[in-house]
C-alpha atoms as a PDB file:
ATOM      1  CA  MET A   1     -26.055 -30.499 200.670  1.00  0.00           C
ATOM      2  CA  GLU A   2     -25.877 -32.618 197.551  1.00  0.00           C
ATOM      3  CA  GLN A   3     -24.164 -30.943 194.623  1.00  0.00           C
ATOM      4  CA  THR A   4     -23.358 -32.987 191.560  1.00  0.00           C
ATOM      5  CA  GLY A   5     -22.315 -32.162 188.054  1.00  0.00           C
ATOM      6  CA  SER A   6     -19.262 -31.126 186.135  1.00  0.00           C
ATOM      7  CA  ARG A   7     -17.629 -27.740 186.461  1.00  0.00           C
ATOM      8  CA  GLY A   8     -14.320 -26.099 185.659  1.00  0.00           C
ATOM      9  CA  LEU A   9     -12.277 -25.118 188.700  1.00  0.00           C
ATOM     10  CA  LYS A  10     -12.415 -21.352 189.314  1.00  0.00           C
ATOM     11  CA  ARG A  11      -8.888 -21.294 190.794  1.00  0.00           C
ATOM     12  CA  ASP A  12      -6.003 -23.602 191.609  1.00  0.00           C
ATOM     13  CA  CYS A  13      -7.191 -25.967 194.304  1.00  0.00           C
ATOM     14  CA  THR A  14      -5.497 -28.265 196.808  1.00  0.00           C
ATOM     15  CA  ALA A  15      -6.913 -31.796 196.719  1.00  0.00           C
ATOM     16  CA  VAL A  16      -6.038 -35.225 198.060  1.00  0.00           C
ATOM     17  CA  GLN A  17      -5.715 -37.998 195.481  1.00  0.00           C
ATOM     18  CA  ILE A  18      -7.887 -41.029 196.296  1.00  0.00           C
ATOM     19  CA  PRO A  19      -6.880 -43.685 197.382  1.00  0.00           C
ATOM     20  CA  ALA A  20      -3.164 -42.766 197.450  1.00  0.00           C
ATOM     21  CA  GLY A  21      -3.628 -39.889 199.923  1.00  0.00           C
ATOM     22  CA  THR A  22      -1.175 -37.685 198.013  1.00  0.00           C
ATOM     23  CA  THR A  23      -1.792 -33.930 198.207  1.00  0.00           C
ATOM     24  CA  VAL A  24      -1.857 -32.290 194.773  1.00  0.00           C
ATOM     25  CA  THR A  25      -2.860 -28.979 193.240  1.00  0.00           C
ATOM     26  CA  LEU A  26      -5.570 -29.151 190.600  1.00  0.00           C
ATOM     27  CA  PRO A  27      -5.079 -26.208 188.205  1.00  0.00           C
ATOM     28  CA  VAL A  28      -7.669 -23.570 187.404  1.00  0.00           C
ATOM     29  CA  GLY A  29      -9.957 -24.683 184.566  1.00  0.00           C
ATOM     30  CA  THR A  30      -9.678 -28.407 185.371  1.00  0.00           C
ATOM     31  CA  GLU A  31     -13.011 -30.122 184.714  1.00  0.00           C
ATOM     32  CA  ALA A  32     -14.180 -31.680 187.995  1.00  0.00           C
ATOM     33  CA  HIS A  33     -17.269 -33.865 188.217  1.00  0.00           C
ATOM     34  CA  ILE A  34     -18.665 -33.912 191.771  1.00  0.00           C
ATOM     35  CA  LEU A  35     -19.521 -37.463 192.791  1.00  0.00           C
ATOM     36  CA  GLN A  36     -20.187 -37.076 196.521  1.00  0.00           C
ATOM     37  CA  THR A  37     -20.694 -34.222 198.978  1.00  0.00           C
ATOM     38  CA  LEU A  38     -20.803 -35.677 202.465  1.00  0.00           C
ATOM     39  CA  GLY A  39     -19.388 -34.480 205.768  1.00  0.00           C
ATOM     40  CA  GLY A  40     -18.426 -31.111 204.302  1.00  0.00           C
ATOM     41  CA  ASN A  41     -16.047 -32.560 201.714  1.00  0.00           C
ATOM     42  CA  PHE A  42     -16.327 -33.209 197.994  1.00  0.00           C
ATOM     43  CA  THR A  43     -15.267 -36.310 196.107  1.00  0.00           C
ATOM     44  CA  VAL A  44     -14.603 -35.332 192.494  1.00  0.00           C
ATOM     45  CA  HIS A  45     -13.499 -37.083 189.338  1.00  0.00           C
ATOM     46  CA  ALA A  46     -10.884 -35.003 187.522  1.00  0.00           C
ATOM     47  CA  LEU A  47      -7.882 -35.671 185.301  1.00  0.00           C
ATOM     48  CA  GLY A  48      -8.813 -39.359 185.103  1.00  0.00           C
ATOM     49  CA  GLY A  49      -8.803 -39.955 188.872  1.00  0.00           C
ATOM     50  CA  LEU A  50     -10.632 -39.335 192.137  1.00  0.00           C
ATOM     51  CA  TYR A  51      -9.828 -36.446 194.472  1.00  0.00           C
ATOM     52  CA  ARG A  52     -11.090 -35.145 197.814  1.00  0.00           C
ATOM     53  CA  ILE A  53     -11.627 -31.394 198.083  1.00  0.00           C
ATOM     54  CA  THR A  54     -12.476 -29.863 201.472  1.00  0.00           C
ATOM     55  CA  ALA A  55     -15.300 -27.426 202.169  1.00  0.00           C
ATOM     56  CA  GLN A  56     -12.745 -24.641 202.593  1.00  0.00           C
ATOM     57  CA  ASP A  57     -12.118 -24.945 198.835  1.00  0.00           C
ATOM     58  CA  ALA A  58     -15.768 -25.071 197.773  1.00  0.00           C
ATOM     59  CA  ASP A  59     -15.322 -21.719 196.051  1.00  0.00           C
ATOM     60  CA  ALA A  60     -12.860 -23.348 193.612  1.00  0.00           C
ATOM     61  CA  LEU A  61     -15.819 -25.483 192.516  1.00  0.00           C
ATOM     62  CA  GLY A  62     -17.984 -22.379 192.227  1.00  0.00           C
ATOM     63  CA  LEU A  63     -19.940 -23.284 195.363  1.00  0.00           C
ATOM     64  CA  GLU A  64     -20.611 -21.698 198.709  1.00  0.00           C
ATOM     65  CA  MET A  65     -20.543 -24.235 201.479  1.00  0.00           C
ATOM     66  CA  SER A  66     -19.918 -24.089 205.174  1.00  0.00           C
ATOM     67  CA  VAL A  67     -18.162 -26.951 206.878  1.00  0.00           C
ATOM     68  CA  GLU A  68     -20.774 -29.460 208.051  1.00  0.00           C
ATOM     69  CA  THR A  69     -20.452 -30.380 211.675  1.00  0.00           C
ATOM     70  CA  ALA A  70     -22.827 -31.625 214.276  1.00  0.00           C
ATOM     71  CA  THR A  71     -21.626 -29.005 216.735  1.00  0.00           C
ATOM     72  CA  THR A  72     -24.357 -26.477 215.999  1.00  0.00           C
ATOM     73  CA  SER A  73     -26.945 -28.707 217.615  1.00  0.00           C
ATOM     74  CA  LEU A  74     -24.493 -30.043 220.201  1.00  0.00           C
ATOM     75  CA  ALA A  75     -23.298 -26.775 221.719  1.00  0.00           C
ATOM     76  CA  ALA A  76     -25.449 -27.236 224.813  1.00  0.00           C
ATOM     77  CA  ALA A  77     -24.053 -26.009 228.113  1.00  0.00           C
ATOM     78  CA  GLY A  78     -22.436 -28.483 230.450  1.00  0.00           C
ATOM     79  CA  PRO A  79     -19.811 -31.177 230.112  1.00  0.00           C
ATOM     80  CA  VAL A  80     -19.239 -32.821 226.762  1.00  0.00           C
ATOM     81  CA  SER A  81     -20.789 -36.255 226.445  1.00  0.00           C
ATOM     82  CA  GLU A  82     -19.513 -39.334 224.661  1.00  0.00           C
ATOM     83  CA  GLU A  83     -22.774 -39.263 222.676  1.00  0.00           C
ATOM     84  CA  GLN A  84     -21.846 -35.823 221.278  1.00  0.00           C
ATOM     85  CA  ILE A  85     -18.501 -37.184 220.106  1.00  0.00           C
ATOM     86  CA  TRP A  86     -20.124 -40.183 218.409  1.00  0.00           C
ATOM     87  CA  THR A  87     -22.568 -37.800 216.733  1.00  0.00           C
ATOM     88  CA  VAL A  88     -19.798 -35.554 215.380  1.00  0.00           C
ATOM     89  CA  LEU A  89     -17.884 -38.633 214.158  1.00  0.00           C
ATOM     90  CA  LYS A  90     -20.970 -39.532 212.130  1.00  0.00           C
ATOM     91  CA  THR A  91     -20.250 -36.418 210.033  1.00  0.00           C
ATOM     92  CA  CYS A  92     -16.948 -37.954 208.822  1.00  0.00           C
ATOM     93  CA  TYR A  93     -16.960 -40.006 205.622  1.00  0.00           C
ATOM     94  CA  ASP A  94     -14.660 -42.186 203.588  1.00  0.00           C
ATOM     95  CA  PRO A  95     -14.492 -40.243 200.297  1.00  0.00           C
ATOM     96  CA  GLU A  96     -15.276 -43.374 198.267  1.00  0.00           C
ATOM     97  CA  ILE A  97     -18.154 -44.720 200.366  1.00  0.00           C
ATOM     98  CA  PRO A  98     -21.383 -42.818 201.152  1.00  0.00           C
ATOM     99  CA  VAL A  99     -21.520 -44.103 204.755  1.00  0.00           C
ATOM    100  CA  ASN A 100     -20.052 -42.341 207.780  1.00  0.00           C
ATOM    101  CA  ILE A 101     -17.064 -43.840 209.594  1.00  0.00           C
ATOM    102  CA  VAL A 102     -19.168 -44.858 212.633  1.00  0.00           C
ATOM    103  CA  ASP A 103     -21.725 -46.803 210.590  1.00  0.00           C
ATOM    104  CA  LEU A 104     -18.918 -48.347 208.520  1.00  0.00           C
ATOM    105  CA  GLY A 105     -17.637 -49.818 211.791  1.00  0.00           C
ATOM    106  CA  LEU A 106     -14.280 -48.051 211.522  1.00  0.00           C
ATOM    107  CA  ILE A 107     -14.239 -46.672 215.078  1.00  0.00           C
ATOM    108  CA  TYR A 108     -12.762 -49.264 217.448  1.00  0.00           C
ATOM    109  CA  ASP A 109     -12.313 -47.228 220.619  1.00  0.00           C
ATOM    110  CA  LEU A 110     -13.293 -43.830 222.000  1.00  0.00           C
ATOM    111  CA  VAL A 111     -12.053 -42.532 225.359  1.00  0.00           C
ATOM    112  CA  VAL A 112     -12.927 -39.178 226.940  1.00  0.00           C
ATOM    113  CA  GLU A 113     -10.870 -38.124 229.938  1.00  0.00           C
ATOM    114  CA  PRO A 114     -10.677 -34.882 231.894  1.00  0.00           C
ATOM    115  CA  ILE A 115      -7.508 -32.809 231.688  1.00  0.00           C
ATOM    116  CA  PRO A 116      -6.212 -31.658 235.110  1.00  0.00           C
ATOM    117  CA  ALA A 117      -6.149 -28.004 233.987  1.00  0.00           C
ATOM    118  CA  GLY A 118      -9.784 -28.265 232.790  1.00  0.00           C
ATOM    119  CA  GLY A 119     -11.457 -29.429 229.624  1.00  0.00           C
ATOM    120  CA  ASN A 120     -11.252 -32.900 228.124  1.00  0.00           C
ATOM    121  CA  ARG A 121      -9.002 -35.055 225.987  1.00  0.00           C
ATOM    122  CA  VAL A 122     -10.500 -37.459 223.445  1.00  0.00           C
ATOM    123  CA  GLN A 123      -8.599 -40.454 222.113  1.00  0.00           C
ATOM    124  CA  VAL A 124      -9.988 -42.433 219.184  1.00  0.00           C
ATOM    125  CA  LYS A 125      -8.706 -45.605 217.588  1.00  0.00           C
ATOM    126  CA  MET A 126     -10.031 -46.259 214.123  1.00  0.00           C
ATOM    127  CA  THR A 127      -9.252 -48.410 211.119  1.00  0.00           C
ATOM    128  CA  LEU A 128      -9.830 -48.219 207.386  1.00  0.00           C
ATOM    129  CA  THR A 129     -11.636 -50.546 205.011  1.00  0.00           C
ATOM    130  CA  ALA A 130      -8.336 -51.475 203.314  1.00  0.00           C
ATOM    131  CA  PRO A 131      -4.822 -51.543 204.814  1.00  0.00           C
ATOM    132  CA  GLY A 132      -3.243 -50.010 201.701  1.00  0.00           C
ATOM    133  CA  CYS A 133      -5.550 -46.980 201.658  1.00  0.00           C
ATOM    134  CA  GLY A 134      -3.563 -43.760 201.712  1.00  0.00           C
ATOM    135  CA  MET A 135      -6.597 -41.752 202.846  1.00  0.00           C
ATOM    136  CA  GLY A 136      -6.089 -42.711 206.511  1.00  0.00           C
ATOM    137  CA  PRO A 137      -4.355 -39.464 207.510  1.00  0.00           C
ATOM    138  CA  ALA A 138      -7.015 -37.352 205.742  1.00  0.00           C
ATOM    139  CA  ILE A 139      -9.943 -39.222 207.324  1.00  0.00           C
ATOM    140  CA  ALA A 140      -8.307 -39.281 210.782  1.00  0.00           C
ATOM    141  CA  GLY A 141      -7.466 -35.571 210.479  1.00  0.00           C
ATOM    142  CA  ASP A 142     -11.059 -34.779 209.521  1.00  0.00           C
ATOM    143  CA  ALA A 143     -12.322 -36.698 212.574  1.00  0.00           C
ATOM    144  CA  GLN A 144      -9.815 -34.974 214.867  1.00  0.00           C
ATOM    145  CA  GLN A 145     -10.726 -31.480 213.629  1.00  0.00           C
ATOM    146  CA  LYS A 146     -14.444 -32.135 214.042  1.00  0.00           C
ATOM    147  CA  ILE A 147     -13.967 -33.472 217.588  1.00  0.00           C
ATOM    148  CA  LEU A 148     -11.979 -30.339 218.465  1.00  0.00           C
ATOM    149  CA  THR A 149     -14.929 -28.133 217.431  1.00  0.00           C
ATOM    150  CA  LEU A 150     -16.956 -29.449 220.375  1.00  0.00           C
ATOM    151  CA  ASP A 151     -17.153 -27.216 223.440  1.00  0.00           C
ATOM    152  CA  GLY A 152     -15.155 -28.699 226.299  1.00  0.00           C
ATOM    153  CA  ILE A 153     -12.674 -30.607 224.118  1.00  0.00           C
ATOM    154  CA  ASP A 154      -9.146 -29.223 224.335  1.00  0.00           C
ATOM    155  CA  GLU A 155      -7.171 -32.153 222.930  1.00  0.00           C
ATOM    156  CA  ALA A 156      -8.022 -34.922 220.480  1.00  0.00           C
ATOM    157  CA  SER A 157      -6.025 -37.674 218.868  1.00  0.00           C
ATOM    158  CA  VAL A 158      -7.201 -40.127 216.223  1.00  0.00           C
ATOM    159  CA  GLU A 159      -4.944 -43.123 215.682  1.00  0.00           C
ATOM    160  CA  VAL A 160      -5.305 -45.474 212.706  1.00  0.00           C
ATOM    161  CA  VAL A 161      -4.888 -49.109 213.791  1.00  0.00           C
ATOM    162  CA  TRP A 162      -5.074 -52.372 211.853  1.00  0.00           C
ATOM    163  CA  ASP A 163      -5.990 -54.905 214.524  1.00  0.00           C
ATOM    164  CA  PRO A 164      -8.510 -56.353 214.294  1.00  0.00           C
ATOM    165  CA  PRO A 165      -8.737 -56.156 210.501  1.00  0.00           C
ATOM    166  CA  TRP A 166     -11.924 -54.479 209.275  1.00  0.00           C
ATOM    167  CA  HIS A 167     -14.590 -56.679 207.700  1.00  0.00           C
ATOM    168  CA  GLN A 168     -18.000 -55.909 206.156  1.00  0.00           C
ATOM    169  CA  SER A 169     -19.679 -57.582 209.140  1.00  0.00           C
ATOM    170  CA  MET A 170     -18.653 -54.501 211.189  1.00  0.00           C
ATOM    171  CA  ILE A 171     -21.015 -52.235 209.228  1.00  0.00           C
ATOM    172  CA  THR A 172     -24.066 -51.209 211.284  1.00  0.00           C
ATOM    173  CA  ALA A 173     -27.618 -51.958 210.186  1.00  0.00           C
ATOM    174  CA  GLU A 174     -27.979 -48.301 209.096  1.00  0.00           C
ATOM    175  CA  GLY A 175     -24.775 -48.488 207.048  1.00  0.00           C
ATOM    176  CA  ARG A 176     -25.859 -51.752 205.435  1.00  0.00           C
ATOM    177  CA  LYS A 177     -29.154 -50.126 204.470  1.00  0.00           C
ATOM    178  CA  VAL A 178     -27.374 -47.170 202.769  1.00  0.00           C
ATOM    179  CA  LEU A 179     -25.110 -49.577 200.875  1.00  0.00           C
ATOM    180  CA  GLY A 180     -28.000 -51.827 199.866  1.00  0.00           C
ATOM    181  CA  LEU A 181     -26.548 -54.796 201.747  1.00  0.00           C
ATOM    182  CA  GLY A 182     -29.808 -55.765 203.395  1.00  0.00           C
END
């Protein structure tokens, strides 16, 4: 769902300042220009800066939006597959870049293991495009929450790591196409 344009906030709204990662409250009436709506979140320009607003606060923007996940089409019976997890991770986006975290090459490791009591645990190691980016906890939290929506997943952890350092060469062919890199 692509919504762009400027609108005054209908109510006070929690947002995360980009790239600092600081949680703030944008007051009712604040003019917010929607720049990106990917993965169920909104990147807006307001008060001279960039902010990430989640789908749960779409009403503050005067919108109705359900959280985008890949789980609707992935809720098939049977054990969860690694492919399903990769697919749901493709619904997570850096709020400044219109490419998902998989195609950006930010996911370094993904492990699915059964839990003795039943269900599965997923462990992900990911990085960010810049070491100083404060959005790491927000992006990792988004990925973790989306993984936990999959049937058969009882635990998920997403760890931000810095080794090896990310480089543009890690972007997939699909990601390069979206970014116009060839």
